[in-house]
Amino acid sequence: MKKHQWVLVFLAVLFSLFMTAYRKNGIGKKLLEKTEKSLQKEGIRKIFLVAFKKNNIGNIFWEQTGYKNREDLNYRDKKIMD
């Protein structure tokens, strides 16, 4: 796994742990800004994310930080094991 892939996995864990506990303190926004700058330095030009539709607070956060909902994509999954 490449360095930037590990960064993205780490960020997913951080956001899920800290966003709920420390909402409205600006920590998530600062973390995101630093992450975006670090990824830019690595040559990453675009960030994709997945958020549950029912996650209203999270979706508001992503919209406020410039992440747009894509109407041209379908997200699919398949359960292959119980």
Protein backbone atom coordinates (compact mmCIF):
# COMPACT_ATOMS: atom_id res chain seq x y z
CA MET A 1 0.00 0.00 0.00
CA LYS A 2 1.36 3.43 -0.94
CA LYS A 3 2.00 6.16 1.60
CA HIS A 4 -1.03 8.27 0.60
CA GLN A 5 -3.32 5.24 0.82
CA TRP A 6 -2.28 4.73 4.46
CA VAL A 7 -2.93 8.41 5.10
CA LEU A 8 -6.47 8.06 3.79
CA VAL A 9 -7.18 4.99 5.92
CA PHE A 10 -5.77 6.76 8.98
CA LEU A 11 -7.93 9.82 8.28
CA ALA A 12 -11.06 7.74 7.99
CA VAL A 13 -10.40 6.35 11.45
CA LEU A 14 -9.59 9.78 12.90
CA PHE A 15 -12.68 11.39 11.49
CA SER A 16 -14.94 8.62 12.73
CA LEU A 17 -13.45 8.78 16.24
CA PHE A 18 -13.04 12.49 16.76
CA MET A 19 -15.71 14.14 14.66
CA THR A 20 -18.50 12.92 16.93
CA ALA A 21 -16.78 13.72 20.23
CA TYR A 22 -15.41 17.15 19.32
CA ARG A 23 -17.94 18.64 16.93
CA LYS A 24 -18.17 22.41 16.61
CA ASN A 25 -14.61 23.01 17.86
CA GLY A 26 -13.02 23.40 14.41
CA ILE A 27 -10.81 20.35 14.86
CA GLY A 28 -12.28 18.46 11.90
CA LYS A 29 -11.89 21.44 9.60
CA LYS A 30 -8.26 22.00 10.67
CA LEU A 31 -7.48 18.30 10.26
CA LEU A 32 -9.05 18.31 6.81
CA GLU A 33 -7.15 21.43 5.72
CA LYS A 34 -3.81 19.97 6.82
CA THR A 35 -4.65 16.68 5.16
CA GLU A 36 -5.53 18.34 1.88
CA LYS A 37 -2.27 20.31 1.91
CA SER A 38 -0.26 17.16 2.64
CA LEU A 39 -1.97 15.26 -0.16
CA GLN A 40 -1.34 18.16 -2.56
CA LYS A 41 2.38 17.93 -1.72
CA GLU A 42 2.22 14.22 -2.61
CA GLY A 43 0.73 15.11 -6.01
CA ILE A 44 -2.81 13.97 -5.16
CA ARG A 45 -5.20 16.10 -7.19
CA LYS A 46 -8.62 14.90 -6.07
CA ILE A 47 -10.20 13.42 -2.95
CA PHE A 48 -13.20 11.10 -3.02
CA LEU A 49 -15.28 10.21 0.01
CA VAL A 50 -18.35 8.21 0.90
CA ALA A 51 -20.85 9.35 3.54
CA PHE A 52 -24.13 7.76 4.52
CA LYS A 53 -27.17 9.79 3.43
CA LYS A 54 -28.55 9.62 6.97
CA ASN A 55 -25.39 11.28 8.33
CA ASN A 56 -26.85 14.78 8.11
CA ILE A 57 -24.24 16.46 10.30
CA GLY A 58 -21.40 14.84 8.40
CA ASN A 59 -22.90 15.69 5.05
CA ILE A 60 -23.33 19.33 6.09
CA PHE A 61 -19.66 19.39 7.15
CA TRP A 62 -18.50 18.00 3.80
CA GLU A 63 -20.68 20.43 1.85
CA GLN A 64 -19.40 23.38 3.92
CA THR A 65 -15.80 22.36 3.24
CA GLY A 66 -16.33 22.29 -0.52
CA TYR A 67 -17.12 18.64 -1.21
CA LYS A 68 -19.91 18.37 -3.75
CA ASN A 69 -22.40 15.57 -4.18
CA ARG A 70 -21.79 13.76 -7.47
CA GLU A 71 -24.90 12.88 -9.40
CA ASP A 72 -22.93 11.13 -12.16
CA LEU A 73 -21.81 8.19 -10.00
CA ASN A 74 -23.52 5.15 -8.57
CA TYR A 75 -22.06 3.54 -5.49
CA ARG A 76 -22.68 -0.19 -5.29
CA ASP A 77 -21.77 -2.97 -2.90
CA LYS A 78 -22.44 -6.67 -2.61
CA LYS A 79 -22.48 -8.80 0.51
CA ILE A 80 -20.63 -11.99 -0.30
CA MET A 81 -20.51 -13.54 3.17
CA ASP A 82 -22.75 -13.53 6.25
